[in-house]
Protein backbone atom coordinates (compact mmCIF):
# COMPACT_ATOMS: atom_id res chain seq x y z
CA MET A 1 -46.85 9.90 6.85
CA SER A 2 -43.12 9.51 7.12
CA SER A 3 -41.15 7.63 4.37
CA THR A 4 -40.10 5.09 6.82
CA HIS A 5 -43.57 4.26 7.83
CA SER A 6 -44.72 4.03 4.10
CA ILE A 7 -42.03 1.44 3.46
CA TYR A 8 -43.70 -0.80 6.03
CA SER A 9 -47.17 -0.07 5.39
CA GLN A 10 -46.62 -1.75 1.97
CA ASP A 11 -45.81 -4.92 3.73
CA GLN A 12 -49.08 -4.86 5.73
CA SER A 13 -51.81 -7.33 4.51
CA PRO A 14 -55.51 -7.59 5.37
CA GLY A 15 -56.05 -9.78 8.41
CA PRO A 16 -54.99 -9.66 12.25
CA LEU A 17 -53.05 -6.56 13.17
CA ARG A 18 -49.35 -7.25 12.88
CA ARG A 19 -46.63 -5.59 15.12
CA LYS A 20 -44.94 -2.67 13.38
CA ARG A 21 -41.42 -3.31 12.33
CA LYS A 22 -38.59 -1.37 13.63
CA PRO A 23 -37.05 1.19 11.09
CA ILE A 24 -34.43 -0.22 8.89
CA SER A 25 -30.91 1.47 8.46
CA CYS A 26 -29.67 2.33 5.05
CA ASP A 27 -27.34 -0.35 3.32
CA LEU A 28 -24.05 1.44 3.88
CA CYS A 29 -24.80 2.17 7.52
CA ARG A 30 -25.77 -1.58 8.12
CA TYR A 31 -22.69 -2.89 6.42
CA SER A 32 -20.37 -0.36 8.17
CA LYS A 33 -22.14 -1.06 11.63
CA LEU A 34 -22.84 2.79 12.04
CA ARG A 35 -25.98 4.53 13.60
CA CYS A 36 -28.31 5.57 10.92
CA ASP A 37 -30.90 8.50 11.34
CA ARG A 38 -33.01 6.89 8.54
CA GLN A 39 -33.20 10.11 6.61
CA GLN A 40 -32.76 10.25 2.87
CA PRO A 41 -29.80 10.65 2.71
CA CYS A 42 -28.90 9.69 6.13
CA GLY A 43 -26.37 11.92 8.32
CA SER A 44 -23.79 9.30 8.36
CA CYS A 45 -23.63 9.06 4.56
CA LYS A 46 -23.68 12.88 4.27
CA ARG A 47 -20.70 13.27 6.48
CA ARG A 48 -18.69 10.63 4.34
CA GLY A 49 -19.84 12.02 1.11
CA ARG A 50 -21.89 9.00 0.10
CA GLU A 51 -25.27 10.64 -0.54
CA ASN A 52 -25.68 8.97 -3.90
CA SER A 53 -25.17 5.56 -2.31
CA CYS A 54 -27.40 6.07 0.65
CA LEU A 55 -30.09 3.51 -0.22
CA PHE A 56 -32.69 1.55 1.77
CA PRO A 57 -33.91 -2.05 1.23
CA ASP A 58 -36.64 -2.15 -1.39
CA LYS A 59 -39.27 -4.57 -0.27
CA SER A 60 -41.63 -3.81 -3.21
CA ASN A 61 -39.85 -5.77 -5.90
CA GLN A 62 -37.40 -7.87 -4.19
CA GLY A 63 -37.51 -11.18 -2.25
CA PRO A 64 -36.95 -11.39 1.53
CA GLY A 65 -33.48 -10.89 2.76
CA SER A 66 -32.34 -9.19 -0.60
CA ILE A 67 -31.12 -5.55 -0.85
CA LYS A 68 -31.01 -3.05 -3.39
CA SER A 69 -27.85 -2.52 -5.48
CA LEU A 70 -25.63 0.31 -4.37
CA ALA A 71 -24.39 0.96 -7.76
CA SER A 72 -24.75 4.77 -8.43
CA PRO A 73 -25.32 6.46 -11.78
CA ARG A 74 -22.29 6.88 -14.04
CA ALA A 75 -20.29 9.99 -12.90
CA PRO A 76 -17.84 12.31 -14.56
CA ILE A 77 -14.22 11.47 -14.42
CA GLY A 78 -12.84 11.65 -10.80
CA SER A 79 -15.99 12.52 -9.23
CA ARG A 80 -16.27 9.06 -7.62
CA ALA A 81 -12.84 9.68 -6.03
CA HIS A 82 -14.41 12.34 -3.94
CA GLU A 83 -16.16 9.64 -1.83
CA PRO A 84 -13.81 8.70 1.20
CA GLN A 85 -12.96 5.03 1.79
CA SER A 86 -15.46 3.15 3.77
CA THR A 87 -14.56 2.89 7.47
CA ALA A 88 -16.25 -0.29 7.76
CA ARG A 89 -14.71 -2.80 10.06
CA GLY A 90 -16.07 -6.30 9.91
CA ARG A 91 -16.03 -8.14 13.19
CA LEU A 92 -13.88 -11.17 13.62
CA ALA A 93 -15.87 -14.34 14.34
CA SER A 94 -15.20 -15.78 17.65
CA SER A 95 -16.64 -19.26 16.91
CA PRO A 96 -14.35 -22.32 16.71
CA GLY A 97 -12.47 -22.51 13.46
CA SER A 98 -13.36 -19.00 12.39
CA SER A 99 -11.42 -17.65 9.32
CA ARG A 100 -12.72 -14.12 8.94
CA GLY A 101 -10.31 -11.32 8.83
CA GLY A 102 -7.63 -13.37 7.01
CA VAL A 103 -6.64 -15.36 10.21
CA ARG A 104 -7.82 -18.85 11.10
CA THR A 105 -7.91 -20.09 14.76
CA ASP A 106 -8.46 -23.51 16.18
CA VAL A 107 -10.87 -24.41 19.02
CA ASN A 108 -8.50 -22.95 21.77
CA GLY A 109 -8.03 -19.65 20.01
CA LEU A 110 -4.33 -20.69 18.99
CA PHE A 111 -2.73 -20.04 15.51
CA PRO A 112 -1.59 -23.29 14.10
CA GLU A 113 0.93 -23.63 11.28
CA SER A 114 -1.73 -22.99 8.63
CA GLY A 115 -2.96 -19.86 10.48
CA TRP A 116 0.46 -18.04 9.93
CA GLY A 117 0.42 -18.92 6.34
CA SER A 118 -3.15 -17.46 5.86
CA VAL A 119 -1.79 -13.96 6.69
CA LEU A 120 0.48 -14.36 3.63
CA GLU A 121 -2.20 -15.49 1.30
CA ARG A 122 -3.64 -13.21 -1.51
CA PRO A 123 -6.93 -11.64 -0.35
CA ALA A 124 -10.00 -12.88 -2.23
CA PRO A 125 -12.20 -10.16 -3.61
CA PRO A 126 -15.46 -9.23 -1.63
CA SER A 127 -18.41 -11.44 -2.71
CA ASP A 128 -20.65 -8.44 -3.00
CA PRO A 129 -19.47 -6.09 -5.63
CA ALA A 130 -21.43 -3.23 -4.25
CA PHE A 131 -19.04 -3.26 -1.26
CA ALA A 132 -15.77 -3.86 -3.28
CA PRO A 133 -13.01 -1.34 -2.52
CA ASP A 134 -12.52 1.46 -5.00
CA THR A 135 -9.68 0.48 -7.54
CA LEU A 136 -7.76 2.25 -10.30
CA SER A 137 -9.37 0.37 -13.11
CA PRO A 138 -9.47 2.35 -16.14
CA PHE A 139 -12.81 1.04 -17.03
CA SER A 140 -14.46 2.68 -14.11
CA MET A 141 -13.56 6.21 -14.79
CA GLY A 142 -16.71 7.41 -16.38
CA GLN A 143 -17.40 9.46 -19.37
CA GLN A 144 -14.91 11.24 -21.64
CA THR A 145 -13.76 14.53 -20.30
CA SER A 146 -12.13 17.35 -21.98
CA LEU A 147 -8.26 17.95 -21.38
CA GLN A 148 -9.24 21.47 -19.95
CA ASN A 149 -11.47 19.89 -17.38
CA ILE A 150 -9.06 17.25 -16.48
CA ILE A 151 -6.36 19.98 -15.79
CA GLU A 152 -8.85 21.85 -13.55
CA LEU A 153 -8.91 18.84 -11.26
CA LEU A 154 -5.33 19.49 -10.23
CA PRO A 155 -4.69 21.12 -6.88
CA PRO A 156 -4.30 24.88 -6.97
CA GLU A 157 -0.90 25.93 -8.21
CA HIS A 158 0.52 27.12 -4.81
CA CYS A 159 -0.70 23.72 -3.24
CA ARG A 160 0.69 21.72 -6.38
CA ASP A 161 4.11 23.44 -6.04
CA TYR A 162 4.31 22.43 -2.47
CA LEU A 163 3.30 18.82 -3.20
CA VAL A 164 5.98 18.48 -5.94
CA SER A 165 8.51 19.96 -3.56
CA HIS A 166 7.57 17.63 -0.80
CA PHE A 167 7.80 14.66 -3.15
CA PHE A 168 11.47 15.38 -4.16
CA ASN A 169 12.43 16.27 -0.59
CA HIS A 170 10.95 13.32 1.30
CA ILE A 171 9.66 10.54 -0.98
CA CYS A 172 11.86 10.52 -4.14
CA ALA A 173 14.81 8.82 -2.50
CA LEU A 174 12.57 5.90 -1.55
CA PHE A 175 11.59 5.48 -5.19
CA PRO A 176 14.00 7.49 -7.36
CA ILE A 177 12.62 6.68 -10.84
CA LEU A 178 12.55 10.41 -11.87
CA HIS A 179 15.59 12.56 -12.80
CA GLY A 180 14.90 15.73 -10.86
CA PRO A 181 16.22 18.37 -13.27
CA THR A 182 14.36 16.76 -16.26
CA PHE A 183 11.06 16.75 -14.39
CA GLU A 184 11.61 20.41 -13.14
CA ALA A 185 11.87 21.50 -16.78
CA GLN A 186 8.85 19.67 -17.83
CA TYR A 187 6.89 21.04 -14.90
CA ALA A 188 7.94 24.60 -15.96
CA ALA A 189 6.93 24.03 -19.47
CA PHE A 190 3.50 22.68 -18.30
CA LYS A 191 2.81 25.78 -16.17
CA GLN A 192 3.45 28.06 -19.33
CA GLN A 193 1.37 26.15 -21.67
CA PRO A 194 -0.80 23.58 -19.84
CA VAL A 195 -2.97 22.78 -22.83
CA GLU A 196 0.11 21.44 -24.65
CA VAL A 197 0.84 18.77 -22.17
CA ASP A 198 1.38 15.25 -22.85
CA LEU A 199 -1.46 13.36 -21.26
CA SER A 200 0.80 10.42 -19.79
CA TRP A 201 3.07 13.17 -18.34
CA LEU A 202 -0.13 14.65 -16.73
CA ALA A 203 -0.80 11.21 -15.33
CA LEU A 204 2.60 11.24 -13.70
CA LEU A 205 1.89 14.67 -12.26
CA PHE A 206 -1.45 13.60 -10.80
CA SER A 207 0.01 10.51 -9.27
CA MET A 208 2.87 12.43 -7.79
CA CYS A 209 0.40 14.81 -6.11
CA ALA A 210 -1.73 12.06 -4.90
CA LEU A 211 1.25 10.37 -3.29
CA ALA A 212 2.66 13.45 -1.75
CA LEU A 213 -0.74 14.41 -0.28
CA SER A 214 -1.09 11.11 1.47
CA THR A 215 2.35 11.57 3.08
CA THR A 216 1.43 14.92 4.46
CA GLU A 217 -0.18 15.89 7.85
CA PRO A 218 -3.90 16.42 7.28
CA THR A 219 -3.57 19.63 9.32
CA ASP A 220 -0.89 21.10 7.27
CA PRO A 221 -2.09 24.76 6.78
CA ARG A 222 -0.27 24.98 3.41
CA LEU A 223 -2.94 22.40 2.05
CA ALA A 224 -5.91 24.41 3.52
CA ASP A 225 -7.22 25.28 0.15
CA LEU A 226 -7.79 21.75 -0.74
CA TRP A 227 -10.43 21.26 1.86
CA PRO A 228 -14.11 22.43 1.69
CA LYS A 229 -14.81 25.48 3.99
CA GLY A 230 -15.85 24.32 7.43
CA CYS A 231 -14.30 20.88 6.81
CA ASP A 232 -13.95 19.32 10.43
CA ASN A 233 -12.32 16.08 9.22
CA GLN A 234 -9.11 16.74 7.21
CA ALA A 235 -8.04 13.00 7.54
CA GLU A 236 -10.98 11.81 5.69
CA GLN A 237 -10.61 14.56 3.05
CA THR A 238 -6.98 13.78 2.68
CA VAL A 239 -7.98 10.13 1.71
CA ALA A 240 -10.75 11.24 -0.62
CA VAL A 241 -8.64 13.82 -2.42
CA SER A 242 -5.71 11.53 -2.82
CA ARG A 243 -8.03 8.90 -4.25
CA ARG A 244 -9.52 11.46 -6.75
CA LEU A 245 -5.99 12.48 -7.94
CA GLN A 246 -5.09 8.87 -8.40
CA GLN A 247 -8.13 8.04 -10.33
CA THR A 248 -7.76 11.06 -12.48
CA ALA A 249 -4.19 9.97 -13.28
CA MET A 250 -5.63 6.59 -14.65
CA ALA A 251 -8.27 8.78 -16.53
CA CYS A 252 -5.34 10.53 -18.33
CA LEU A 253 -3.65 7.24 -19.30
CA LEU A 254 -6.94 5.93 -20.57
CA LYS A 255 -7.57 9.14 -22.63
CA ASP A 256 -4.04 8.73 -24.00
CA GLN A 257 -5.06 5.17 -25.15
CA PHE A 258 -2.20 3.54 -23.07
CA PHE A 259 -3.43 0.05 -23.80
CA THR A 260 -2.15 0.39 -27.51
CA ARG A 261 -0.23 3.63 -27.60
CA TYR A 262 2.37 4.00 -24.80
CA LYS A 263 5.59 5.93 -24.39
CA PHE A 264 8.20 6.43 -21.74
CA SER A 265 5.90 8.77 -19.79
CA THR A 266 3.38 6.26 -19.71
CA PHE A 267 5.91 3.89 -18.01
CA GLU A 268 6.94 6.52 -15.58
CA ALA A 269 3.32 7.19 -14.61
CA LEU A 270 2.24 3.61 -14.23
CA LEU A 271 5.27 2.91 -11.91
CA MET A 272 4.38 5.92 -9.75
CA LEU A 273 0.72 4.72 -9.48
CA ILE A 274 1.75 1.22 -8.52
CA TYR A 275 4.24 2.51 -5.88
CA HIS A 276 1.43 4.67 -4.36
CA GLN A 277 -0.95 1.66 -4.39
CA SER A 278 1.56 -0.62 -2.40
CA HIS A 279 2.26 2.05 0.25
CA ASN A 280 -1.34 3.30 0.73
CA GLU A 281 -3.84 0.60 -0.37
CA SER A 282 -2.62 -2.83 -0.97
CA VAL A 283 0.30 -4.45 -2.77
CA ASP A 284 -2.13 -6.86 -4.26
CA GLN A 285 -4.14 -4.23 -6.05
CA GLY A 286 -1.19 -3.11 -8.20
CA TRP A 287 -0.51 -6.78 -9.41
CA ALA A 288 -2.40 -6.40 -12.79
CA LEU A 289 -0.87 -2.89 -13.50
CA LEU A 290 2.53 -4.26 -12.60
CA GLY A 291 2.20 -6.81 -15.29
CA MET A 292 1.25 -4.11 -17.78
CA ALA A 293 4.16 -1.92 -16.76
CA LEU A 294 6.59 -4.93 -17.24
CA ASN A 295 5.49 -5.47 -20.83
CA ILE A 296 5.55 -1.82 -21.52
CA GLY A 297 9.09 -1.53 -20.06
CA ILE A 298 10.16 -4.41 -22.36
CA ALA A 299 8.56 -2.90 -25.35
CA LEU A 300 10.21 0.50 -24.82
CA ARG A 301 13.55 -1.40 -24.55
CA CYS A 302 14.28 0.24 -21.17
CA ASN A 303 16.37 -2.84 -20.27
CA VAL A 304 18.54 -2.49 -23.48
CA THR A 305 21.77 -0.43 -23.05
CA THR A 306 22.54 -0.03 -26.77
CA GLN A 307 19.96 2.78 -27.61
CA GLN A 308 21.20 5.72 -29.33
CA ILE A 309 20.11 8.35 -26.77
CA ASN A 310 22.09 10.77 -24.57
CA THR A 311 23.33 9.85 -21.11
CA ILE A 312 20.35 11.39 -19.11
CA GLU A 313 17.73 9.71 -21.16
CA LEU A 314 19.62 6.32 -20.91
CA GLU A 315 19.89 6.86 -17.09
CA ARG A 316 16.22 7.67 -16.85
CA ARG A 317 15.32 4.33 -18.53
CA ARG A 318 17.56 2.50 -16.21
CA ARG A 319 16.07 4.05 -13.22
CA CYS A 320 12.64 3.17 -14.20
CA TRP A 321 13.65 -0.48 -15.02
CA ALA A 322 15.12 -0.66 -11.48
CA GLY A 323 12.06 0.72 -10.07
CA LEU A 324 10.05 -2.03 -11.77
CA LEU A 325 12.19 -4.73 -10.36
CA THR A 326 11.97 -3.20 -6.82
CA LEU A 327 8.04 -3.12 -7.09
CA HIS A 328 8.29 -6.91 -7.72
CA THR A 329 10.17 -7.23 -4.42
CA TYR A 330 6.96 -6.36 -2.67
CA GLN A 331 5.19 -9.01 -4.48
CA SER A 332 7.78 -11.75 -4.02
CA ILE A 333 8.24 -11.03 -0.25
CA LEU A 334 4.67 -10.36 0.89
CA PHE A 335 2.91 -12.82 -1.51
CA ARG A 336 5.73 -15.44 -1.83
CA ASP A 337 3.42 -17.81 -3.96
CA VAL A 338 4.68 -16.45 -7.22
CA ASP A 339 8.13 -17.20 -8.69
CA MET A 340 9.85 -13.99 -9.72
CA THR A 341 13.16 -15.43 -10.67
CA PHE A 342 12.46 -15.15 -14.37
CA LEU A 343 13.02 -11.42 -14.16
CA LEU A 344 16.64 -12.23 -13.11
CA GLU A 345 17.14 -13.73 -16.43
CA ILE A 346 16.24 -10.57 -18.21
CA LYS A 347 19.71 -8.84 -18.95
CA ALA A 348 19.73 -5.20 -18.11
CA SER A 349 22.14 -2.54 -17.03
CA MET A 350 21.37 -0.83 -13.69
CA PRO A 351 21.62 2.89 -13.00
CA ALA A 352 24.61 4.48 -11.57
CA ASP A 353 24.70 5.07 -7.84
CA VAL A 354 25.05 8.95 -8.22
CA ASN A 355 22.90 12.04 -7.51
CA ASP A 356 20.93 13.86 -10.19
CA SER A 357 23.55 16.61 -10.54
CA ASP A 358 26.21 13.98 -11.39
CA ILE A 359 24.44 13.04 -14.66
CA THR A 360 25.04 15.22 -17.62
CA ASP A 361 24.79 14.95 -21.45
CA GLU A 362 28.52 14.42 -21.59
CA GLY A 363 28.56 11.65 -19.03
CA ILE A 364 28.31 10.47 -15.45
CA LEU A 365 30.59 11.79 -12.66
CA GLN A 366 32.48 9.39 -10.41
CA PRO A 367 30.33 7.73 -7.77
CA SER A 368 30.74 9.08 -4.25
CA SER A 369 31.50 6.98 -1.18
CA GLU A 370 28.73 8.78 0.73
CA PRO A 371 25.00 7.71 0.17
CA THR A 372 23.54 9.19 -2.77
CA GLN A 373 19.98 9.75 -4.06
CA MET A 374 20.21 6.30 -5.58
CA SER A 375 21.92 4.33 -2.86
CA LEU A 376 18.67 2.97 -1.47
CA MET A 377 17.51 1.80 -4.83
CA MET A 378 20.84 -0.01 -5.35
CA PHE A 379 20.45 -1.87 -2.02
CA LYS A 380 16.72 -2.66 -2.93
CA LEU A 381 17.96 -4.11 -6.16
CA ARG A 382 20.20 -6.43 -4.34
CA LEU A 383 17.36 -7.30 -2.04
CA PHE A 384 15.19 -8.07 -5.03
CA HIS A 385 17.85 -10.73 -6.45
CA LEU A 386 18.10 -12.17 -2.88
CA SER A 387 14.30 -12.26 -2.00
CA ALA A 388 13.50 -13.82 -5.44
CA GLN A 389 15.81 -16.67 -4.69
CA ILE A 390 14.69 -17.06 -1.04
CA CYS A 391 10.98 -17.10 -2.16
CA ARG A 392 11.64 -19.62 -4.78
CA HIS A 393 13.31 -21.73 -2.07
CA ILE A 394 10.41 -21.44 0.52
CA SER A 395 7.83 -22.07 -2.04
CA GLY A 396 9.43 -25.19 -3.43
CA PRO A 397 10.37 -28.65 -2.20
CA SER A 398 13.54 -27.53 -0.58
CA ARG A 399 11.74 -25.34 1.87
CA HIS A 400 12.19 -27.83 4.68
CA ASP A 401 15.84 -28.10 4.16
CA GLN A 402 17.58 -27.61 7.53
CA GLY A 403 21.17 -27.64 6.27
CA ALA A 404 23.07 -25.70 3.80
CA GLN A 405 20.40 -23.77 2.10
CA LEU A 406 19.02 -22.23 5.26
CA LYS A 407 22.53 -21.39 6.47
CA ARG A 408 23.47 -19.78 3.05
CA PHE A 409 20.46 -17.65 3.04
CA ASP A 410 20.87 -16.48 6.73
CA GLU A 411 24.48 -15.46 5.94
CA ALA A 412 23.35 -13.60 2.78
CA ILE A 413 20.73 -11.65 4.57
CA ALA A 414 23.32 -10.85 7.34
CA ALA A 415 25.93 -9.61 4.79
CA GLU A 416 23.34 -7.07 3.34
CA GLN A 417 22.65 -5.80 6.78
CA LYS A 418 26.44 -5.24 7.28
CA LEU A 419 26.43 -3.22 4.05
CA TRP A 420 23.64 -1.04 5.15
CA ASP A 421 25.24 -0.42 8.67
CA SER A 422 28.57 0.69 6.72
CA LYS A 423 26.53 3.11 4.56
CA TYR A 424 24.11 4.65 6.90
CA MET A 425 25.33 4.46 10.42
CA ILE A 426 28.40 5.90 12.39
CA ASN A 427 29.66 3.55 15.18
CA GLY A 428 26.23 1.86 15.35
CA SER A 429 24.37 5.00 15.57
CA PRO A 430 22.11 6.45 12.81
CA LYS A 431 23.25 9.63 10.84
CA ILE A 432 20.97 12.29 12.11
CA LEU A 433 21.85 15.21 9.82
CA ASN A 434 19.76 13.71 6.92
CA SER A 435 17.12 11.03 6.17
CA TYR A 436 19.40 8.10 5.92
CA TYR A 437 18.21 6.62 9.14
CA ALA A 438 14.75 6.17 7.56
CA HIS A 439 16.36 4.46 4.59
CA TRP A 440 18.17 2.04 6.97
CA CYS A 441 14.85 1.27 8.66
CA VAL A 442 13.14 0.55 5.36
CA LEU A 443 15.88 -1.94 4.46
CA GLN A 444 15.76 -3.64 7.72
CA THR A 445 12.09 -4.41 7.40
CA TYR A 446 12.79 -6.52 4.41
CA ALA A 447 15.74 -8.18 6.18
CA HIS A 448 13.63 -9.22 9.14
CA HIS A 449 10.58 -10.25 6.87
CA LEU A 450 12.88 -12.56 5.11
CA PHE A 451 14.11 -14.06 8.18
CA LEU A 452 10.63 -14.83 9.28
CA LEU A 453 9.86 -16.56 5.96
CA LEU A 454 12.99 -18.58 5.98
CA HIS A 455 12.65 -19.79 9.49
CA ARG A 456 8.80 -20.32 9.68
CA PRO A 457 8.81 -24.10 8.95
CA PHE A 458 11.22 -24.64 11.97
CA HIS A 459 9.75 -22.39 14.64
CA HIS A 460 7.33 -24.58 16.37
CA SER A 461 8.34 -27.40 18.91
CA GLN A 462 5.32 -29.53 17.85
CA THR A 463 6.59 -29.88 14.32
CA PRO A 464 9.00 -32.71 13.33
CA SER A 465 11.32 -30.08 11.66
CA PHE A 466 11.63 -27.86 14.90
CA ILE A 467 14.99 -26.02 15.33
CA PRO A 468 15.25 -23.95 18.62
CA SER A 469 17.50 -21.37 16.87
CA SER A 470 14.75 -20.85 14.34
CA ARG A 471 12.22 -19.90 17.15
CA GLU A 472 14.63 -17.49 18.51
CA ARG A 473 15.29 -15.97 15.21
CA CYS A 474 11.61 -15.62 14.57
CA ILE A 475 11.11 -13.97 17.97
CA SER A 476 13.99 -11.50 17.52
CA SER A 477 13.16 -10.53 13.82
CA ALA A 478 9.33 -10.23 14.79
CA ALA A 479 10.28 -7.97 17.71
CA ALA A 480 12.73 -5.91 15.36
CA LEU A 481 9.96 -5.38 12.76
CA ILE A 482 7.48 -4.18 15.50
CA SER A 483 10.25 -1.96 16.91
CA ILE A 484 10.84 -0.26 13.48
CA HIS A 485 7.11 0.21 13.13
CA ARG A 486 7.11 1.89 16.69
CA ASP A 487 10.13 4.09 15.66
CA LEU A 488 8.36 5.24 12.56
CA TYR A 489 5.37 6.22 14.51
CA GLU A 490 7.13 7.94 17.57
CA VAL A 491 10.76 9.16 16.71
CA PRO A 492 10.81 12.78 15.59
CA LEU A 493 13.75 12.37 13.39
CA LEU A 494 11.44 9.94 11.27
CA ARG A 495 8.36 12.14 11.27
CA ASN A 496 8.57 12.72 7.52
CA PHE A 497 8.23 9.05 6.96
CA LEU A 498 5.18 8.33 9.10
CA TRP A 499 3.19 7.62 6.01
CA LEU A 500 5.02 4.36 5.58
CA ILE A 501 2.75 2.92 8.18
CA ASN A 502 -0.19 3.19 5.80
CA GLY A 503 1.05 0.16 3.58
CA VAL A 504 3.81 -2.23 3.34
CA VAL A 505 5.47 -1.53 6.60
CA SER A 506 2.25 -2.41 8.53
CA LEU A 507 1.70 -5.47 6.51
CA GLN A 508 5.17 -6.61 7.65
CA ALA A 509 4.39 -5.63 11.19
CA LEU A 510 1.21 -7.70 10.98
CA HIS A 511 3.16 -10.67 9.83
CA ALA A 512 5.61 -10.16 12.59
CA ALA A 513 2.76 -10.08 15.19
CA VAL A 514 1.31 -13.15 14.00
CA ALA A 515 4.79 -14.81 13.98
CA LEU A 516 5.59 -13.69 17.45
CA ASN A 517 2.17 -14.77 18.91
CA SER A 518 2.73 -18.35 17.50
CA CYS A 519 6.33 -18.36 19.19
CA LEU A 520 5.28 -17.03 22.49
CA ARG A 521 2.45 -19.57 22.90
CA ASP A 522 5.22 -22.26 22.24
CA MET A 523 7.52 -21.08 24.76
CA PRO A 524 8.03 -22.69 28.12
CA LEU A 525 5.93 -21.34 31.12
CA THR A 526 9.26 -19.84 32.56
CA PHE A 527 9.64 -17.60 29.65
CA ASP A 528 8.59 -13.97 30.37
CA THR A 529 6.26 -12.91 27.64
CA THR A 530 5.28 -9.68 29.25
CA PRO A 531 7.49 -7.33 27.24
CA TYR A 532 6.39 -8.86 23.94
CA ARG A 533 2.82 -8.78 24.88
CA TYR A 534 3.03 -5.03 25.78
CA GLU A 535 4.76 -4.39 22.31
CA LEU A 536 1.80 -6.29 20.54
CA GLU A 537 -0.76 -4.20 22.46
CA LYS A 538 0.99 -0.97 21.37
CA LEU A 539 1.18 -2.24 17.90
CA MET A 540 -2.53 -2.74 17.92
CA LEU A 541 -3.30 0.77 19.09
CA ARG A 542 -1.19 2.18 16.40
CA MET A 543 -2.93 0.36 13.82
CA GLU A 544 -6.27 1.57 15.35
CA SER A 545 -5.07 5.16 15.15
CA PHE A 546 -4.31 4.87 11.39
CA SER A 547 -7.35 2.90 10.64
CA SER A 548 -9.17 6.06 9.10
CA ARG A 549 -6.34 6.58 6.62
CA SER A 550 -5.29 3.06 5.84
CA LYS A 551 -7.48 0.02 5.03
CA ILE A 552 -4.40 -2.12 5.68
CA CYS A 553 -4.26 -0.75 9.21
CA SER A 554 -7.94 -1.18 9.75
CA LYS A 555 -7.89 -4.73 8.90
CA ALA A 556 -4.64 -5.38 10.84
CA TYR A 557 -6.21 -3.73 13.81
CA HIS A 558 -9.02 -6.51 13.96
CA VAL A 559 -6.52 -9.21 13.45
CA LEU A 560 -4.38 -8.00 16.42
CA ASP A 561 -7.47 -7.33 18.63
CA HIS A 562 -8.28 -11.09 18.03
CA LEU A 563 -4.77 -12.11 18.90
CA GLN A 564 -4.74 -10.18 22.16
């Protein structure tokens, strides 16, 4: 007798013959809306590496409608990270007033004023902890493991060297908290005597490898040794291995007792982990870690300039403090319900706008007029100051001010855009001999996102505070954000920055799509919406293509599908 039949035979009771029930899928397949072959474990769970979580409803000791917990036995450090992210996509409800998927519609399927705002709300955690997404909580790492076993979880040396090189060539300038020559010396010392490594520095190495891996092409032959033999889905393996490396980084910090014993390498590792979370998982997931990093940075006096240390160490601390502030920019812009202006009151000296080679023990060379490795960070710092003030304005009683405040902030954003053009463009065209065009694109996403936040209260003609120019601004900024998203996906010059679509940039594009849809529905019938609808359709397809690697894109795809 099959195992499936035995489950139902337990429900049979003496009396009239009852119709045999149909077989039931496992809990993960039912939740993910996948076909289940009802084996133990089923084929779908095997393909996704979730054999331990492949469980079927237990009718013998539970009431009707209840399901067995999916919690698996405690595993060694990093083993849970081998499991790829669930590809479940919940369907959006089509009934009137539905609010599933993070967007609420009225009875006509339109997006009222509150609908746009709901896209910007912090997501609530799932009600069922069994289906909560994996996090970097240090309490979920499992049993203690020896240092040697943790080191063995690193990628093979040739893969690791490539990932470190890839990080400094294509990622570091976007978040330049590290001093390249210093890290290179530390890395060389680690390879010679790995067992002498500082655990927090090892966490930094794990987090760097995780971030670099998530930004590479899954079919890159230089990473072939990371995948199991016969692997036919490198994209899922990329997510799984990157997740494992992230969680092992947190395990290193826990083993180093970072709650009570922290040092500068602890600060660096935390910042790198949070940056990775913001660009590959969710800005919101890094919120608690960001608070810890802020307190550690203050305790280490990274904002104090009077420390008796050499120039290189001083600049390293200034860079990390600057990185901490730019991470708060994501929070203030994407979740503008928290006032970040208190950080502006903390006095601190910012790093020099120079390249790594310009920093020596004797001092810092004269800054160059050309873009440097730190130029993007300096512009981001200016954006943090501006965004903190704007988000305080739009969350306070002055948000409906149609006069001086709105004009002042508009002019401030435009002034920043002119600075970026002068630094990264030549006669209105991007500099193509380096990656500066990508840096310009990243900065522009913040500018247009701020324009949308500023003009949202005035964009709709049915509101008493309607301003026609605000609706035009919302349409143009939303279109610009979607266009940048398209360029990152299609333009060969930006190929090395395709990974930005996994996180913050797609969140901004989703905000733009909801804003654009709201404005288009409010336009006169004579207005041609066809080009904009076409761009929304293409954006939805791009989100769908990235759904297997990004939970943000997966959720955004369903929202955009509902919009269409």
